[in-house]
Amino acid sequence: MKNQTKWKISTLISLICLIIPFSIYSLWIYVFNLGTTQAERVSVFKDYFPDFLDGRWSTTIFSIIFSISAVILSSINLKHLKKIWKLINIIILILSGILLFLNLFSMM
């Protein structure tokens, strides 16, 4: 029973790792509708983040790191959990994979 709790906590950590890049991408969609020019949109977007994430690719790399973390944790958890927790891990795996590829594609 204790071992199952460990894997469920790991699933929740994986979910948090998914929420971070999802929030960054959602913020970009929100900001995209605010500005009139691309430079204005980027400026508004960067104002939401601290100075250490002010570089050109900083938020993208940050998002990629958390997406990879979510994929790894979720794929490990798939082997150890059953029923609804396995379904949650499959959903996390799919969504974090999509966000990972989206972020990698945006760097091209």
PDB file of N, CA and C in Angstrom:
ATOM      1  N   MET A   1       0.816  -1.201   0.000  1.00  0.00           N
ATOM      2  CA  MET A   1       0.000   0.000   0.000  1.00  0.00           C
ATOM      3  C   MET A   1       0.855   1.259   0.000  1.00  0.00           C
ATOM      4  N   LYS A   2       1.927   1.229   0.796  1.00  0.00           N
ATOM      5  CA  LYS A   2       2.807   2.390   0.870  1.00  0.00           C
ATOM      6  C   LYS A   2       3.473   2.664  -0.480  1.00  0.00           C
ATOM      7  N   ASN A   3       3.804   1.583  -1.183  1.00  0.00           N
ATOM      8  CA  ASN A   3       4.433   1.726  -2.485  1.00  0.00           C
ATOM      9  C   ASN A   3       3.491   2.384  -3.494  1.00  0.00           C
ATOM     10  N   GLN A   4       2.211   2.053  -3.439  1.00  0.00           N
ATOM     11  CA  GLN A   4       1.220   2.667  -4.324  1.00  0.00           C
ATOM     12  C   GLN A   4       1.116   4.168  -4.062  1.00  0.00           C
ATOM     13  N   THR A   5       1.199   4.562  -2.813  1.00  0.00           N
ATOM     14  CA  THR A   5       1.139   5.982  -2.459  1.00  0.00           C
ATOM     15  C   THR A   5       2.315   6.728  -3.069  1.00  0.00           C
ATOM     16  N   LYS A   6       3.473   6.102  -3.065  1.00  0.00           N
ATOM     17  CA  LYS A   6       4.667   6.708  -3.663  1.00  0.00           C
ATOM     18  C   LYS A   6       4.446   6.970  -5.159  1.00  0.00           C
ATOM     19  N   TRP A   7       3.845   6.018  -5.844  1.00  0.00           N
ATOM     20  CA  TRP A   7       3.613   6.171  -7.285  1.00  0.00           C
ATOM     21  C   TRP A   7       2.514   7.199  -7.564  1.00  0.00           C
ATOM     22  N   LYS A   8       1.538   7.288  -6.676  1.00  0.00           N
ATOM     23  CA  LYS A   8       0.477   8.294  -6.844  1.00  0.00           C
ATOM     24  C   LYS A   8       1.032   9.701  -6.632  1.00  0.00           C
ATOM     25  N   ILE A   9       1.926   9.859  -5.667  1.00  0.00           N
ATOM     26  CA  ILE A   9       2.571  11.150  -5.459  1.00  0.00           C
ATOM     27  C   ILE A   9       3.430  11.506  -6.668  1.00  0.00           C
ATOM     28  N   SER A  10       4.093  10.517  -7.220  1.00  0.00           N
ATOM     29  CA  SER A  10       4.890  10.733  -8.429  1.00  0.00           C
ATOM     30  C   SER A  10       4.007  11.153  -9.610  1.00  0.00           C
ATOM     31  N   THR A  11       2.799  10.617  -9.671  1.00  0.00           N
ATOM     32  CA  THR A  11       1.849  11.026 -10.706  1.00  0.00           C
ATOM     33  C   THR A  11       1.456  12.488 -10.526  1.00  0.00           C
ATOM     34  N   LEU A  12       1.226  12.895  -9.296  1.00  0.00           N
ATOM     35  CA  LEU A  12       0.876  14.296  -9.037  1.00  0.00           C
ATOM     36  C   LEU A  12       2.041  15.237  -9.371  1.00  0.00           C
ATOM     37  N   ILE A  13       3.261  14.808  -9.106  1.00  0.00           N
ATOM     38  CA  ILE A  13       4.432  15.606  -9.489  1.00  0.00           C
ATOM     39  C   ILE A  13       4.508  15.710 -11.010  1.00  0.00           C
ATOM     40  N   SER A  14       4.210  14.626 -11.688  1.00  0.00           N
ATOM     41  CA  SER A  14       4.177  14.630 -13.150  1.00  0.00           C
ATOM     42  C   SER A  14       3.102  15.589 -13.670  1.00  0.00           C
ATOM     43  N   LEU A  15       1.976  15.626 -13.001  1.00  0.00           N
ATOM     44  CA  LEU A  15       0.905  16.551 -13.378  1.00  0.00           C
ATOM     45  C   LEU A  15       1.348  18.006 -13.196  1.00  0.00           C
ATOM     46  N   ILE A  16       2.046  18.286 -12.127  1.00  0.00           N
ATOM     47  CA  ILE A  16       2.571  19.640 -11.906  1.00  0.00           C
ATOM     48  C   ILE A  16       3.580  19.996 -12.992  1.00  0.00           C
ATOM     49  N   CYS A  17       4.412  19.019 -13.359  1.00  0.00           N
ATOM     50  CA  CYS A  17       5.376  19.253 -14.447  1.00  0.00           C
ATOM     51  C   CYS A  17       4.660  19.527 -15.774  1.00  0.00           C
ATOM     52  N   LEU A  18       3.486  18.980 -15.962  1.00  0.00           N
ATOM     53  CA  LEU A  18       2.689  19.246 -17.165  1.00  0.00           C
ATOM     54  C   LEU A  18       2.034  20.622 -17.101  1.00  0.00           C
ATOM     55  N   ILE A  19       1.578  21.012 -15.937  1.00  0.00           N
ATOM     56  CA  ILE A  19       0.872  22.291 -15.783  1.00  0.00           C
ATOM     57  C   ILE A  19       1.778  23.476 -16.099  1.00  0.00           C
ATOM     58  N   ILE A  20       3.055  23.381 -15.777  1.00  0.00           N
ATOM     59  CA  ILE A  20       3.972  24.505 -16.014  1.00  0.00           C
ATOM     60  C   ILE A  20       4.092  24.844 -17.501  1.00  0.00           C
ATOM     61  N   PRO A  21       4.445  23.907 -18.399  1.00  0.00           N
ATOM     62  CA  PRO A  21       4.503  24.290 -19.817  1.00  0.00           C
ATOM     63  C   PRO A  21       3.132  24.626 -20.401  1.00  0.00           C
ATOM     64  N   PHE A  22       2.088  23.981 -19.879  1.00  0.00           N
ATOM     65  CA  PHE A  22       0.737  24.293 -20.339  1.00  0.00           C
ATOM     66  C   PHE A  22       0.379  25.738 -19.989  1.00  0.00           C
ATOM     67  N   SER A  23       0.769  26.180 -18.801  1.00  0.00           N
ATOM     68  CA  SER A  23       0.507  27.560 -18.378  1.00  0.00           C
ATOM     69  C   SER A  23       1.278  28.561 -19.233  1.00  0.00           C
ATOM     70  N   ILE A  24       2.524  28.236 -19.544  1.00  0.00           N
ATOM     71  CA  ILE A  24       3.337  29.127 -20.372  1.00  0.00           C
ATOM     72  C   ILE A  24       2.714  29.256 -21.756  1.00  0.00           C
ATOM     73  N   TYR A  25       2.310  28.138 -22.326  1.00  0.00           N
ATOM     74  CA  TYR A  25       1.706  28.177 -23.661  1.00  0.00           C
ATOM     75  C   TYR A  25       0.356  28.897 -23.642  1.00  0.00           C
ATOM     76  N   SER A  26      -0.427  28.680 -22.606  1.00  0.00           N
ATOM     77  CA  SER A  26      -1.721  29.368 -22.472  1.00  0.00           C
ATOM     78  C   SER A  26      -1.514  30.877 -22.324  1.00  0.00           C
ATOM     79  N   LEU A  27      -0.492  31.263 -21.580  1.00  0.00           N
ATOM     80  CA  LEU A  27      -0.178  32.683 -21.424  1.00  0.00           C
ATOM     81  C   LEU A  27       0.192  33.304 -22.763  1.00  0.00           C
ATOM     82  N   TRP A  28       0.943  32.572 -23.588  1.00  0.00           N
ATOM     83  CA  TRP A  28       1.305  33.096 -24.902  1.00  0.00           C
ATOM     84  C   TRP A  28       0.058  33.295 -25.767  1.00  0.00           C
ATOM     85  N   ILE A  29      -0.884  32.370 -25.718  1.00  0.00           N
ATOM     86  CA  ILE A  29      -2.129  32.519 -26.484  1.00  0.00           C
ATOM     87  C   ILE A  29      -2.899  33.742 -25.997  1.00  0.00           C
ATOM     88  N   TYR A  30      -2.952  33.937 -24.690  1.00  0.00           N
ATOM     89  CA  TYR A  30      -3.631  35.102 -24.121  1.00  0.00           C
ATOM     90  C   TYR A  30      -2.956  36.399 -24.573  1.00  0.00           C
ATOM     91  N   VAL A  31      -1.630  36.454 -24.480  1.00  0.00           N
ATOM     92  CA  VAL A  31      -0.883  37.665 -24.828  1.00  0.00           C
ATOM     93  C   VAL A  31      -0.953  37.930 -26.330  1.00  0.00           C
ATOM     94  N   PHE A  32      -1.012  36.880 -27.122  1.00  0.00           N
ATOM     95  CA  PHE A  32      -1.078  37.044 -28.569  1.00  0.00           C
ATOM     96  C   PHE A  32      -2.294  37.864 -28.980  1.00  0.00           C
ATOM     97  N   ASN A  33      -3.368  37.722 -28.254  1.00  0.00           N
ATOM     98  CA  ASN A  33      -4.584  38.467 -28.559  1.00  0.00           C
ATOM     99  C   ASN A  33      -4.560  39.896 -28.038  1.00  0.00           C
ATOM    100  N   LEU A  34      -3.590  40.243 -27.186  1.00  0.00           N
ATOM    101  CA  LEU A  34      -3.519  41.589 -26.621  1.00  0.00           C
ATOM    102  C   LEU A  34      -2.785  42.584 -27.507  1.00  0.00           C
ATOM    103  N   GLY A  35      -1.633  42.184 -28.035  1.00  0.00           N
ATOM    104  CA  GLY A  35      -0.779  43.114 -28.767  1.00  0.00           C
ATOM    105  C   GLY A  35      -1.164  43.272 -30.217  1.00  0.00           C
ATOM    106  N   THR A  36      -0.671  44.349 -30.803  1.00  0.00           N
ATOM    107  CA  THR A  36      -0.949  44.586 -32.215  1.00  0.00           C
ATOM    108  C   THR A  36       0.222  44.168 -33.086  1.00  0.00           C
ATOM    109  N   THR A  37       1.448  44.279 -32.587  1.00  0.00           N
ATOM    110  CA  THR A  37       2.617  43.842 -33.347  1.00  0.00           C
ATOM    111  C   THR A  37       3.303  42.706 -32.600  1.00  0.00           C
ATOM    112  N   GLN A  38       4.139  41.966 -33.312  1.00  0.00           N
ATOM    113  CA  GLN A  38       4.838  40.838 -32.687  1.00  0.00           C
ATOM    114  C   GLN A  38       5.785  41.316 -31.587  1.00  0.00           C
ATOM    115  N   ALA A  39       6.484  42.418 -31.812  1.00  0.00           N
ATOM    116  CA  ALA A  39       7.402  42.951 -30.800  1.00  0.00           C
ATOM    117  C   ALA A  39       6.639  43.346 -29.531  1.00  0.00           C
ATOM    118  N   GLU A  40       5.473  43.910 -29.703  1.00  0.00           N
ATOM    119  CA  GLU A  40       4.645  44.287 -28.556  1.00  0.00           C
ATOM    120  C   GLU A  40       4.170  43.053 -27.796  1.00  0.00           C
ATOM    121  N   ARG A  41       3.776  42.020 -28.527  1.00  0.00           N
ATOM    122  CA  ARG A  41       3.324  40.773 -27.902  1.00  0.00           C
ATOM    123  C   ARG A  41       4.445  40.123 -27.095  1.00  0.00           C
ATOM    124  N   VAL A  42       5.631  40.069 -27.680  1.00  0.00           N
ATOM    125  CA  VAL A  42       6.773  39.468 -26.999  1.00  0.00           C
ATOM    126  C   VAL A  42       7.127  40.260 -25.749  1.00  0.00           C
ATOM    127  N   SER A  43       7.075  41.574 -25.837  1.00  0.00           N
ATOM    128  CA  SER A  43       7.375  42.420 -24.692  1.00  0.00           C
ATOM    129  C   SER A  43       6.392  42.188 -23.550  1.00  0.00           C
ATOM    130  N   VAL A  44       5.119  42.116 -23.867  1.00  0.00           N
ATOM    131  CA  VAL A  44       4.099  41.869 -22.849  1.00  0.00           C
ATOM    132  C   VAL A  44       4.283  40.472 -22.249  1.00  0.00           C
ATOM    133  N   PHE A  45       4.574  39.483 -23.096  1.00  0.00           N
ATOM    134  CA  PHE A  45       4.775  38.109 -22.644  1.00  0.00           C
ATOM    135  C   PHE A  45       5.943  38.014 -21.668  1.00  0.00           C
ATOM    136  N   LYS A  46       7.056  38.663 -22.001  1.00  0.00           N
ATOM    137  CA  LYS A  46       8.248  38.600 -21.153  1.00  0.00           C
ATOM    138  C   LYS A  46       8.058  39.356 -19.844  1.00  0.00           C
ATOM    139  N   ASP A  47       7.146  40.307 -19.810  1.00  0.00           N
ATOM    140  CA  ASP A  47       6.883  41.051 -18.574  1.00  0.00           C
ATOM    141  C   ASP A  47       6.268  40.168 -17.486  1.00  0.00           C
ATOM    142  N   TYR A  48       5.673  39.050 -17.880  1.00  0.00           N
ATOM    143  CA  TYR A  48       5.056  38.143 -16.914  1.00  0.00           C
ATOM    144  C   TYR A  48       6.077  37.257 -16.187  1.00  0.00           C
ATOM    145  N   PHE A  49       7.304  37.194 -16.683  1.00  0.00           N
ATOM    146  CA  PHE A  49       8.307  36.285 -16.146  1.00  0.00           C
ATOM    147  C   PHE A  49       9.430  37.039 -15.444  1.00  0.00           C
ATOM    148  N   PRO A  50      10.134  36.347 -14.531  1.00  0.00           N
ATOM    149  CA  PRO A  50      11.277  36.990 -13.864  1.00  0.00           C
ATOM    150  C   PRO A  50      12.430  37.224 -14.848  1.00  0.00           C
ATOM    151  N   ASP A  51      13.413  37.985 -14.409  1.00  0.00           N
ATOM    152  CA  ASP A  51      14.515  38.381 -15.286  1.00  0.00           C
ATOM    153  C   ASP A  51      15.340  37.205 -15.811  1.00  0.00           C
ATOM    154  N   PHE A  52      15.480  36.141 -15.033  1.00  0.00           N
ATOM    155  CA  PHE A  52      16.307  35.031 -15.514  1.00  0.00           C
ATOM    156  C   PHE A  52      15.649  34.272 -16.669  1.00  0.00           C
ATOM    157  N   LEU A  53      14.378  34.519 -16.932  1.00  0.00           N
ATOM    158  CA  LEU A  53      13.689  33.929 -18.083  1.00  0.00           C
ATOM    159  C   LEU A  53      13.468  34.951 -19.189  1.00  0.00           C
ATOM    160  N   ASP A  54      14.358  35.917 -19.263  1.00  0.00           N
ATOM    161  CA  ASP A  54      14.196  37.005 -20.224  1.00  0.00           C
ATOM    162  C   ASP A  54      14.875  36.743 -21.567  1.00  0.00           C
ATOM    163  N   GLY A  55      15.665  35.683 -21.671  1.00  0.00           N
ATOM    164  CA  GLY A  55      16.367  35.379 -22.912  1.00  0.00           C
ATOM    165  C   GLY A  55      15.418  34.948 -24.020  1.00  0.00           C
ATOM    166  N   ARG A  56      15.982  34.823 -25.215  1.00  0.00           N
ATOM    167  CA  ARG A  56      15.158  34.498 -26.385  1.00  0.00           C
ATOM    168  C   ARG A  56      14.474  33.139 -26.250  1.00  0.00           C
ATOM    169  N   TRP A  57      15.213  32.126 -25.803  1.00  0.00           N
ATOM    170  CA  TRP A  57      14.669  30.774 -25.726  1.00  0.00           C
ATOM    171  C   TRP A  57      14.444  30.306 -24.290  1.00  0.00           C
ATOM    172  N   SER A  58      14.575  31.181 -23.328  1.00  0.00           N
ATOM    173  CA  SER A  58      14.517  30.773 -21.922  1.00  0.00           C
ATOM    174  C   SER A  58      13.211  30.089 -21.545  1.00  0.00           C
ATOM    175  N   THR A  59      12.095  30.692 -21.878  1.00  0.00           N
ATOM    176  CA  THR A  59      10.817  30.081 -21.504  1.00  0.00           C
ATOM    177  C   THR A  59      10.566  28.790 -22.274  1.00  0.00           C
ATOM    178  N   THR A  60      11.041  28.733 -23.513  1.00  0.00           N
ATOM    179  CA  THR A  60      10.870  27.518 -24.305  1.00  0.00           C
ATOM    180  C   THR A  60      11.687  26.377 -23.722  1.00  0.00           C
ATOM    181  N   ILE A  61      12.931  26.642 -23.370  1.00  0.00           N
ATOM    182  CA  ILE A  61      13.780  25.606 -22.779  1.00  0.00           C
ATOM    183  C   ILE A  61      13.226  25.181 -21.420  1.00  0.00           C
ATOM    184  N   PHE A  62      12.772  26.149 -20.640  1.00  0.00           N
ATOM    185  CA  PHE A  62      12.132  25.869 -19.350  1.00  0.00           C
ATOM    186  C   PHE A  62      10.936  24.948 -19.548  1.00  0.00           C
ATOM    187  N   SER A  63      10.132  25.237 -20.539  1.00  0.00           N
ATOM    188  CA  SER A  63       8.956  24.436 -20.853  1.00  0.00           C
ATOM    189  C   SER A  63       9.349  23.036 -21.333  1.00  0.00           C
ATOM    190  N   ILE A  64      10.384  22.939 -22.143  1.00  0.00           N
ATOM    191  CA  ILE A  64      10.857  21.649 -22.644  1.00  0.00           C
ATOM    192  C   ILE A  64      11.347  20.778 -21.490  1.00  0.00           C
ATOM    193  N   ILE A  65      12.080  21.362 -20.557  1.00  0.00           N
ATOM    194  CA  ILE A  65      12.593  20.606 -19.416  1.00  0.00           C
ATOM    195  C   ILE A  65      11.444  20.013 -18.599  1.00  0.00           C
ATOM    196  N   PHE A  66      10.429  20.815 -18.337  1.00  0.00           N
ATOM    197  CA  PHE A  66       9.299  20.307 -17.553  1.00  0.00           C
ATOM    198  C   PHE A  66       8.459  19.308 -18.347  1.00  0.00           C
ATOM    199  N   SER A  67       8.359  19.480 -19.652  1.00  0.00           N
ATOM    200  CA  SER A  67       7.633  18.503 -20.477  1.00  0.00           C
ATOM    201  C   SER A  67       8.344  17.160 -20.477  1.00  0.00           C
ATOM    202  N   ILE A  68       9.663  17.189 -20.612  1.00  0.00           N
ATOM    203  CA  ILE A  68      10.443  15.948 -20.580  1.00  0.00           C
ATOM    204  C   ILE A  68      10.304  15.277 -19.216  1.00  0.00           C
ATOM    205  N   SER A  69      10.339  16.074 -18.156  1.00  0.00           N
ATOM    206  CA  SER A  69      10.171  15.527 -16.806  1.00  0.00           C
ATOM    207  C   SER A  69       8.814  14.850 -16.653  1.00  0.00           C
ATOM    208  N   ALA A  70       7.779  15.483 -17.178  1.00  0.00           N
ATOM    209  CA  ALA A  70       6.436  14.899 -17.096  1.00  0.00           C
ATOM    210  C   ALA A  70       6.351  13.596 -17.887  1.00  0.00           C
ATOM    211  N   VAL A  71       6.978  13.561 -19.064  1.00  0.00           N
ATOM    212  CA  VAL A  71       6.968  12.347 -19.887  1.00  0.00           C
ATOM    213  C   VAL A  71       7.680  11.212 -19.152  1.00  0.00           C
ATOM    214  N   ILE A  72       8.845  11.498 -18.598  1.00  0.00           N
ATOM    215  CA  ILE A  72       9.625  10.457 -17.915  1.00  0.00           C
ATOM    216  C   ILE A  72       8.874   9.934 -16.691  1.00  0.00           C
ATOM    217  N   LEU A  73       8.416  10.844 -15.847  1.00  0.00           N
ATOM    218  CA  LEU A  73       7.704  10.410 -14.637  1.00  0.00           C
ATOM    219  C   LEU A  73       6.434   9.637 -14.969  1.00  0.00           C
ATOM    220  N   SER A  74       5.698  10.129 -15.935  1.00  0.00           N
ATOM    221  CA  SER A  74       4.441   9.478 -16.296  1.00  0.00           C
ATOM    222  C   SER A  74       4.677   8.095 -16.895  1.00  0.00           C
ATOM    223  N   SER A  75       5.695   7.963 -17.724  1.00  0.00           N
ATOM    224  CA  SER A  75       5.963   6.650 -18.326  1.00  0.00           C
ATOM    225  C   SER A  75       6.440   5.650 -17.278  1.00  0.00           C
ATOM    226  N   ILE A  76       7.186   6.108 -16.285  1.00  0.00           N
ATOM    227  CA  ILE A  76       7.597   5.207 -15.197  1.00  0.00           C
ATOM    228  C   ILE A  76       6.381   4.788 -14.378  1.00  0.00           C
ATOM    229  N   ASN A  77       5.494   5.737 -14.116  1.00  0.00           N
ATOM    230  CA  ASN A  77       4.311   5.454 -13.299  1.00  0.00           C
ATOM    231  C   ASN A  77       3.333   4.498 -13.977  1.00  0.00           C
ATOM    232  N   LEU A  78       3.332   4.453 -15.290  1.00  0.00           N
ATOM    233  CA  LEU A  78       2.409   3.574 -16.015  1.00  0.00           C
ATOM    234  C   LEU A  78       2.598   2.105 -15.629  1.00  0.00           C
ATOM    235  N   LYS A  79       3.819   1.723 -15.341  1.00  0.00           N
ATOM    236  CA  LYS A  79       4.123   0.321 -15.038  1.00  0.00           C
ATOM    237  C   LYS A  79       3.628  -0.100 -13.661  1.00  0.00           C
ATOM    238  N   HIS A  80       3.422   0.873 -12.770  1.00  0.00           N
ATOM    239  CA  HIS A  80       3.188   0.528 -11.375  1.00  0.00           C
ATOM    240  C   HIS A  80       1.771   0.795 -10.874  1.00  0.00           C
ATOM    241  N   LEU A  81       0.979   1.532 -11.629  1.00  0.00           N
ATOM    242  CA  LEU A  81      -0.361   1.892 -11.155  1.00  0.00           C
ATOM    243  C   LEU A  81      -1.437   1.229 -11.992  1.00  0.00           C
ATOM    244  N   LYS A  82      -2.641   1.200 -11.452  1.00  0.00           N
ATOM    245  CA  LYS A  82      -3.766   0.562 -12.129  1.00  0.00           C
ATOM    246  C   LYS A  82      -4.952   1.505 -12.196  1.00  0.00           C
ATOM    247  N   LYS A  83      -5.899   1.147 -13.043  1.00  0.00           N
ATOM    248  CA  LYS A  83      -7.199   1.807 -13.194  1.00  0.00           C
ATOM    249  C   LYS A  83      -7.087   3.298 -13.487  1.00  0.00           C
ATOM    250  N   ILE A  84      -7.713   4.124 -12.656  1.00  0.00           N
ATOM    251  CA  ILE A  84      -7.826   5.560 -12.928  1.00  0.00           C
ATOM    252  C   ILE A  84      -6.465   6.247 -12.919  1.00  0.00           C
ATOM    253  N   TRP A  85      -5.568   5.781 -12.062  1.00  0.00           N
ATOM    254  CA  TRP A  85      -4.236   6.400 -12.001  1.00  0.00           C
ATOM    255  C   TRP A  85      -3.447   6.109 -13.268  1.00  0.00           C
ATOM    256  N   LYS A  86      -3.657   4.946 -13.841  1.00  0.00           N
ATOM    257  CA  LYS A  86      -2.997   4.621 -15.107  1.00  0.00           C
ATOM    258  C   LYS A  86      -3.550   5.507 -16.224  1.00  0.00           C
ATOM    259  N   LEU A  87      -4.860   5.729 -16.218  1.00  0.00           N
ATOM    260  CA  LEU A  87      -5.487   6.615 -17.204  1.00  0.00           C
ATOM    261  C   LEU A  87      -4.961   8.053 -17.062  1.00  0.00           C
ATOM    262  N   ILE A  88      -4.824   8.519 -15.829  1.00  0.00           N
ATOM    263  CA  ILE A  88      -4.280   9.859 -15.595  1.00  0.00           C
ATOM    264  C   ILE A  88      -2.862   9.959 -16.157  1.00  0.00           C
ATOM    265  N   ASN A  89      -2.067   8.933 -15.943  1.00  0.00           N
ATOM    266  CA  ASN A  89      -0.704   8.937 -16.471  1.00  0.00           C
ATOM    267  C   ASN A  89      -0.670   8.898 -17.992  1.00  0.00           C
ATOM    268  N   ILE A  90      -1.589   8.188 -18.603  1.00  0.00           N
ATOM    269  CA  ILE A  90      -1.660   8.153 -20.072  1.00  0.00           C
ATOM    270  C   ILE A  90      -2.009   9.541 -20.605  1.00  0.00           C
ATOM    271  N   ILE A  91      -2.965  10.211 -19.966  1.00  0.00           N
ATOM    272  CA  ILE A  91      -3.352  11.559 -20.387  1.00  0.00           C
ATOM    273  C   ILE A  91      -2.191  12.529 -20.205  1.00  0.00           C
ATOM    274  N   ILE A  92      -1.499  12.443 -19.071  1.00  0.00           N
ATOM    275  CA  ILE A  92      -0.336  13.302 -18.833  1.00  0.00           C
ATOM    276  C   ILE A  92       0.730  13.033 -19.882  1.00  0.00           C
ATOM    277  N   LEU A  93       0.966  11.780 -20.190  1.00  0.00           N
ATOM    278  CA  LEU A  93       1.970  11.400 -21.179  1.00  0.00           C
ATOM    279  C   LEU A  93       1.636  11.972 -22.557  1.00  0.00           C
ATOM    280  N   ILE A  94       0.398  11.865 -22.963  1.00  0.00           N
ATOM    281  CA  ILE A  94      -0.022  12.373 -24.274  1.00  0.00           C
ATOM    282  C   ILE A  94       0.088  13.898 -24.324  1.00  0.00           C
ATOM    283  N   LEU A  95      -0.466  14.578 -23.319  1.00  0.00           N
ATOM    284  CA  LEU A  95      -0.444  16.043 -23.332  1.00  0.00           C
ATOM    285  C   LEU A  95       0.971  16.611 -23.217  1.00  0.00           C
ATOM    286  N   SER A  96       1.784  16.012 -22.363  1.00  0.00           N
ATOM    287  CA  SER A  96       3.153  16.514 -22.229  1.00  0.00           C
ATOM    288  C   SER A  96       3.966  16.221 -23.491  1.00  0.00           C
ATOM    289  N   GLY A  97       3.691  15.109 -24.142  1.00  0.00           N
ATOM    290  CA  GLY A  97       4.361  14.813 -25.415  1.00  0.00           C
ATOM    291  C   GLY A  97       3.981  15.818 -26.493  1.00  0.00           C
ATOM    292  N   ILE A  98       2.702  16.160 -26.550  1.00  0.00           N
ATOM    293  CA  ILE A  98       2.251  17.160 -27.524  1.00  0.00           C
ATOM    294  C   ILE A  98       2.900  18.519 -27.252  1.00  0.00           C
ATOM    295  N   LEU A  99       2.932  18.929 -25.981  1.00  0.00           N
ATOM    296  CA  LEU A  99       3.569  20.204 -25.634  1.00  0.00           C
ATOM    297  C   LEU A  99       5.068  20.170 -25.900  1.00  0.00           C
ATOM    298  N   LEU A 100       5.698  19.030 -25.681  1.00  0.00           N
ATOM    299  CA  LEU A 100       7.128  18.903 -25.967  1.00  0.00           C
ATOM    300  C   LEU A 100       7.394  19.101 -27.453  1.00  0.00           C
ATOM    301  N   PHE A 101       6.650  18.420 -28.296  1.00  0.00           N
ATOM    302  CA  PHE A 101       6.846  18.572 -29.732  1.00  0.00           C
ATOM    303  C   PHE A 101       6.470  19.967 -30.218  1.00  0.00           C
ATOM    304  N   LEU A 102       5.455  20.561 -29.623  1.00  0.00           N
ATOM    305  CA  LEU A 102       5.075  21.919 -29.980  1.00  0.00           C
ATOM    306  C   LEU A 102       6.190  22.902 -29.660  1.00  0.00           C
ATOM    307  N   ASN A 103       6.804  22.742 -28.496  1.00  0.00           N
ATOM    308  CA  ASN A 103       7.914  23.626 -28.113  1.00  0.00           C
ATOM    309  C   ASN A 103       9.140  23.387 -28.986  1.00  0.00           C
ATOM    310  N   LEU A 104       9.424  22.136 -29.292  1.00  0.00           N
ATOM    311  CA  LEU A 104      10.561  21.858 -30.173  1.00  0.00           C
ATOM    312  C   LEU A 104      10.310  22.417 -31.569  1.00  0.00           C
ATOM    313  N   PHE A 105       9.099  22.302 -32.058  1.00  0.00           N
ATOM    314  CA  PHE A 105       8.753  22.829 -33.365  1.00  0.00           C
ATOM    315  C   PHE A 105       8.857  24.362 -33.391  1.00  0.00           C
ATOM    316  N   SER A 106       8.507  25.005 -32.274  1.00  0.00           N
ATOM    317  CA  SER A 106       8.567  26.464 -32.226  1.00  0.00           C
ATOM    318  C   SER A 106       9.998  26.979 -32.253  1.00  0.00           C
ATOM    319  N   MET A 107      10.962  26.127 -31.933  1.00  0.00           N
ATOM    320  CA  MET A 107      12.367  26.548 -31.951  1.00  0.00           C
ATOM    321  C   MET A 107      12.961  26.508 -33.359  1.00  0.00           C
ATOM    322  N   MET A 108      12.273  25.903 -34.292  1.00  0.00           N
ATOM    323  CA  MET A 108      12.796  25.800 -35.666  1.00  0.00           C
ATOM    324  C   MET A 108      12.721  27.131 -36.380  1.00  0.00           C
TER     325      MET A 108
END
